[in-house]
PDB file of N, CA and C in Angstrom:
ATOM      1  N   MET A   1      49.839  54.726  20.348  1.00  0.00           N
ATOM      2  CA  MET A   1      49.821  54.275  18.635  1.00  0.00           C
ATOM      3  C   MET A   1      49.983  55.185  18.036  1.00  0.00           C
ATOM      4  N   VAL A   2      50.732  54.803  16.797  1.00  0.00           N
ATOM      5  CA  VAL A   2      50.691  56.415  15.331  1.00  0.00           C
ATOM      6  C   VAL A   2      49.998  55.029  13.948  1.00  0.00           C
ATOM      7  N   LYS A   3      49.373  55.632  13.869  1.00  0.00           N
ATOM      8  CA  LYS A   3      48.650  54.539  12.568  1.00  0.00           C
ATOM      9  C   LYS A   3      49.091  55.529  11.346  1.00  0.00           C
ATOM     10  N   ARG A   4      49.309  55.014  10.067  1.00  0.00           N
ATOM     11  CA  ARG A   4      48.979  55.840   8.983  1.00  0.00           C
ATOM     12  C   ARG A   4      48.353  56.349   8.333  1.00  0.00           C
ATOM     13  N   CYS A   5      47.500  57.127   7.690  1.00  0.00           N
ATOM     14  CA  CYS A   5      46.010  57.425   6.964  1.00  0.00           C
ATOM     15  C   CYS A   5      46.608  57.806   5.441  1.00  0.00           C
ATOM     16  N   THR A   6      46.235  57.222   4.548  1.00  0.00           N
ATOM     17  CA  THR A   6      46.076  57.565   2.879  1.00  0.00           C
ATOM     18  C   THR A   6      44.952  58.675   2.911  1.00  0.00           C
ATOM     19  N   ALA A   7      45.428  59.942   2.259  1.00  0.00           N
ATOM     20  CA  ALA A   7      44.139  61.142   2.513  1.00  0.00           C
ATOM     21  C   ALA A   7      44.724  61.266   0.700  1.00  0.00           C
ATOM     22  N   VAL A   8      43.095  61.595   0.149  1.00  0.00           N
ATOM     23  CA  VAL A   8      43.233  62.398  -1.154  1.00  0.00           C
ATOM     24  C   VAL A   8      42.331  63.338  -0.748  1.00  0.00           C
ATOM     25  N   ILE A   9      43.625  64.694  -1.242  1.00  0.00           N
ATOM     26  CA  ILE A   9      43.064  66.387  -1.410  1.00  0.00           C
ATOM     27  C   ILE A   9      42.931  66.858  -2.858  1.00  0.00           C
ATOM     28  N   SER A  10      42.230  67.578  -2.698  1.00  0.00           N
ATOM     29  CA  SER A  10      41.063  68.102  -3.320  1.00  0.00           C
ATOM     30  C   SER A  10      40.679  69.585  -3.974  1.00  0.00           C
ATOM     31  N   GLU A  11      41.137  70.445  -4.448  1.00  0.00           N
ATOM     32  CA  GLU A  11      40.998  71.691  -4.412  1.00  0.00           C
ATOM     33  C   GLU A  11      40.304  72.582  -4.989  1.00  0.00           C
ATOM     34  N   GLU A  12      38.837  72.892  -4.186  1.00  0.00           N
ATOM     35  CA  GLU A  12      37.955  73.188  -4.906  1.00  0.00           C
ATOM     36  C   GLU A  12      38.152  75.107  -4.499  1.00  0.00           C
ATOM     37  N   GLU A  13      36.851  75.711  -4.514  1.00  0.00           N
ATOM     38  CA  GLU A  13      37.371  77.123  -5.514  1.00  0.00           C
ATOM     39  C   GLU A  13      38.066  78.229  -4.798  1.00  0.00           C
ATOM     40  N   ASP A  14      37.378  77.655  -3.188  1.00  0.00           N
ATOM     41  CA  ASP A  14      38.264  78.224  -2.533  1.00  0.00           C
ATOM     42  C   ASP A  14      39.065  77.947  -0.679  1.00  0.00           C
ATOM     43  N   CYS A  15      38.796  76.781  -1.095  1.00  0.00           N
ATOM     44  CA  CYS A  15      39.163  76.018  -0.214  1.00  0.00           C
ATOM     45  C   CYS A  15      40.148  74.006  -0.713  1.00  0.00           C
ATOM     46  N   TYR A  16      40.145  73.188  -0.137  1.00  0.00           N
ATOM     47  CA  TYR A  16      41.239  71.980  -0.444  1.00  0.00           C
ATOM     48  C   TYR A  16      40.547  71.095   0.748  1.00  0.00           C
ATOM     49  N   ILE A  17      39.742  69.812   0.256  1.00  0.00           N
ATOM     50  CA  ILE A  17      39.082  68.729   0.873  1.00  0.00           C
ATOM     51  C   ILE A  17      40.081  68.027   0.795  1.00  0.00           C
ATOM     52  N   ALA A  18      40.326  67.775   2.364  1.00  0.00           N
ATOM     53  CA  ALA A  18      40.830  66.631   2.447  1.00  0.00           C
ATOM     54  C   ALA A  18      39.857  65.195   3.189  1.00  0.00           C
ATOM     55  N   HIS A  19      40.142  64.443   2.744  1.00  0.00           N
ATOM     56  CA  HIS A  19      39.555  62.573   2.553  1.00  0.00           C
ATOM     57  C   HIS A  19      40.019  61.649   2.610  1.00  0.00           C
ATOM     58  N   CYS A  20      40.204  60.731   3.888  1.00  0.00           N
ATOM     59  CA  CYS A  20      40.726  59.644   4.694  1.00  0.00           C
ATOM     60  C   CYS A  20      39.391  58.684   4.010  1.00  0.00           C
ATOM     61  N   VAL A  21      40.195  57.946   2.720  1.00  0.00           N
ATOM     62  CA  VAL A  21      39.086  57.038   1.722  1.00  0.00           C
ATOM     63  C   VAL A  21      38.545  55.474   3.354  1.00  0.00           C
ATOM     64  N   LYS A  22      39.536  55.259   3.403  1.00  0.00           N
ATOM     65  CA  LYS A  22      39.417  54.479   4.209  1.00  0.00           C
ATOM     66  C   LYS A  22      38.276  54.259   5.652  1.00  0.00           C
ATOM     67  N   LEU A  23      38.570  55.613   5.819  1.00  0.00           N
ATOM     68  CA  LEU A  23      37.558  56.017   6.818  1.00  0.00           C
ATOM     69  C   LEU A  23      36.209  56.598   7.338  1.00  0.00           C
ATOM     70  N   ASN A  24      36.140  57.144   5.919  1.00  0.00           N
ATOM     71  CA  ASN A  24      35.235  58.100   4.833  1.00  0.00           C
ATOM     72  C   ASN A  24      35.056  58.704   6.238  1.00  0.00           C
ATOM     73  N   VAL A  25      36.814  60.139   6.224  1.00  0.00           N
ATOM     74  CA  VAL A  25      35.877  61.096   7.196  1.00  0.00           C
ATOM     75  C   VAL A  25      37.048  62.017   6.540  1.00  0.00           C
ATOM     76  N   VAL A  26      35.918  63.406   6.012  1.00  0.00           N
ATOM     77  CA  VAL A  26      36.645  64.255   5.683  1.00  0.00           C
ATOM     78  C   VAL A  26      36.409  65.725   6.218  1.00  0.00           C
ATOM     79  N   SER A  27      37.600  66.817   6.013  1.00  0.00           N
ATOM     80  CA  SER A  27      37.727  67.676   6.549  1.00  0.00           C
ATOM     81  C   SER A  27      38.023  69.068   5.341  1.00  0.00           C
ATOM     82  N   GLN A  28      38.570  70.138   5.604  1.00  0.00           N
ATOM     83  CA  GLN A  28      38.628  70.844   4.517  1.00  0.00           C
ATOM     84  C   GLN A  28      39.416  72.025   5.289  1.00  0.00           C
ATOM     85  N   GLY A  29      40.547  73.064   4.512  1.00  0.00           N
ATOM     86  CA  GLY A  29      41.636  74.000   4.964  1.00  0.00           C
ATOM     87  C   GLY A  29      41.756  74.896   3.863  1.00  0.00           C
ATOM     88  N   ARG A  30      41.843  75.796   4.145  1.00  0.00           N
ATOM     89  CA  ARG A  30      42.028  77.381   3.191  1.00  0.00           C
ATOM     90  C   ARG A  30      42.975  76.706   2.830  1.00  0.00           C
ATOM     91  N   SER A  31      44.223  75.692   2.931  1.00  0.00           N
ATOM     92  CA  SER A  31      45.684  75.326   2.327  1.00  0.00           C
ATOM     93  C   SER A  31      45.888  74.040   2.354  1.00  0.00           C
ATOM     94  N   ILE A  32      46.765  73.436   1.707  1.00  0.00           N
ATOM     95  CA  ILE A  32      46.868  71.952   1.948  1.00  0.00           C
ATOM     96  C   ILE A  32      47.137  71.936   3.212  1.00  0.00           C
ATOM     97  N   PRO A  33      47.984  72.470   4.180  1.00  0.00           N
ATOM     98  CA  PRO A  33      48.603  71.957   5.256  1.00  0.00           C
ATOM     99  C   PRO A  33      47.234  72.020   6.194  1.00  0.00           C
ATOM    100  N   GLU A  34      46.708  73.770   6.379  1.00  0.00           N
ATOM    101  CA  GLU A  34      45.257  73.730   6.687  1.00  0.00           C
ATOM    102  C   GLU A  34      44.452  72.725   6.837  1.00  0.00           C
ATOM    103  N   ALA A  35      44.431  71.774   5.457  1.00  0.00           N
ATOM    104  CA  ALA A  35      43.301  70.695   5.111  1.00  0.00           C
ATOM    105  C   ALA A  35      43.954  69.226   6.016  1.00  0.00           C
ATOM    106  N   GLN A  36      44.899  69.150   6.052  1.00  0.00           N
ATOM    107  CA  GLN A  36      45.242  68.151   6.488  1.00  0.00           C
ATOM    108  C   GLN A  36      45.538  67.991   8.181  1.00  0.00           C
ATOM    109  N   ALA A  37      45.781  68.886   8.494  1.00  0.00           N
ATOM    110  CA  ALA A  37      45.758  69.338  10.539  1.00  0.00           C
ATOM    111  C   ALA A  37      44.472  69.031  10.623  1.00  0.00           C
ATOM    112  N   ASN A  38      43.416  69.519   9.650  1.00  0.00           N
ATOM    113  CA  ASN A  38      42.131  69.466  10.369  1.00  0.00           C
ATOM    114  C   ASN A  38      41.624  68.361   9.912  1.00  0.00           C
ATOM    115  N   LEU A  39      42.093  67.690   9.033  1.00  0.00           N
ATOM    116  CA  LEU A  39      41.708  65.986   9.101  1.00  0.00           C
ATOM    117  C   LEU A  39      42.913  64.700  10.428  1.00  0.00           C
ATOM    118  N   LYS A  40      43.722  65.589  10.486  1.00  0.00           N
ATOM    119  CA  LYS A  40      44.237  65.012  11.411  1.00  0.00           C
ATOM    120  C   LYS A  40      43.443  64.773  12.942  1.00  0.00           C
ATOM    121  N   GLU A  41      42.907  66.218  12.957  1.00  0.00           N
ATOM    122  CA  GLU A  41      42.431  66.441  14.219  1.00  0.00           C
ATOM    123  C   GLU A  41      41.171  65.594  14.218  1.00  0.00           C
ATOM    124  N   ALA A  42      40.165  65.941  13.033  1.00  0.00           N
ATOM    125  CA  ALA A  42      39.100  64.712  12.661  1.00  0.00           C
ATOM    126  C   ALA A  42      38.825  63.774  12.693  1.00  0.00           C
ATOM    127  N   LEU A  43      40.477  62.522  12.501  1.00  0.00           N
ATOM    128  CA  LEU A  43      40.299  61.458  12.434  1.00  0.00           C
ATOM    129  C   LEU A  43      41.385  61.153  14.012  1.00  0.00           C
ATOM    130  N   GLU A  44      41.544  61.905  14.637  1.00  0.00           N
ATOM    131  CA  GLU A  44      41.773  61.604  16.177  1.00  0.00           C
ATOM    132  C   GLU A  44      40.176  61.558  16.984  1.00  0.00           C
ATOM    133  N   LEU A  45      39.481  61.816  16.209  1.00  0.00           N
ATOM    134  CA  LEU A  45      38.054  62.410  17.325  1.00  0.00           C
ATOM    135  C   LEU A  45      36.943  61.109  16.994  1.00  0.00           C
ATOM    136  N   PHE A  46      37.327  60.902  15.270  1.00  0.00           N
ATOM    137  CA  PHE A  46      36.614  60.456  14.818  1.00  0.00           C
ATOM    138  C   PHE A  46      37.501  58.089  15.731  1.00  0.00           C
ATOM    139  N   VAL A  47      38.522  58.387  15.938  1.00  0.00           N
ATOM    140  CA  VAL A  47      38.953  56.827  16.682  1.00  0.00           C
ATOM    141  C   VAL A  47      38.326  57.190  18.116  1.00  0.00           C
ATOM    142  N   GLU A  48      38.505  58.386  18.899  1.00  0.00           N
ATOM    143  CA  GLU A  48      38.603  58.408  19.880  1.00  0.00           C
ATOM    144  C   GLU A  48      37.009  57.998  20.677  1.00  0.00           C
ATOM    145  N   SER A  49      35.946  58.894  19.583  1.00  0.00           N
ATOM    146  CA  SER A  49      34.504  57.867  19.397  1.00  0.00           C
ATOM    147  C   SER A  49      34.212  56.165  19.725  1.00  0.00           C
ATOM    148  N   PHE A  50      35.361  55.709  18.994  1.00  0.00           N
ATOM    149  CA  PHE A  50      34.981  54.245  19.679  1.00  0.00           C
ATOM    150  C   PHE A  50      35.430  53.771  20.990  1.00  0.00           C
ATOM    151  N   CYS A  51      36.390  54.264  21.182  1.00  0.00           N
ATOM    152  CA  CYS A  51      36.870  54.061  22.831  1.00  0.00           C
ATOM    153  C   CYS A  51      35.988  54.357  24.140  1.00  0.00           C
TER     154      CYS A  51
END
């Protein structure tokens, strides 16, 4: 099952912070695509922890 989540991505001094506000899950990366991929992985682990 595929779900969509809106993320807010902000730029810090040396990285990008990706935050899924609805689930309050946060990750980071050196680029926007890396931050998105890391957030996706964090969200998968977050959801998996409820199963």
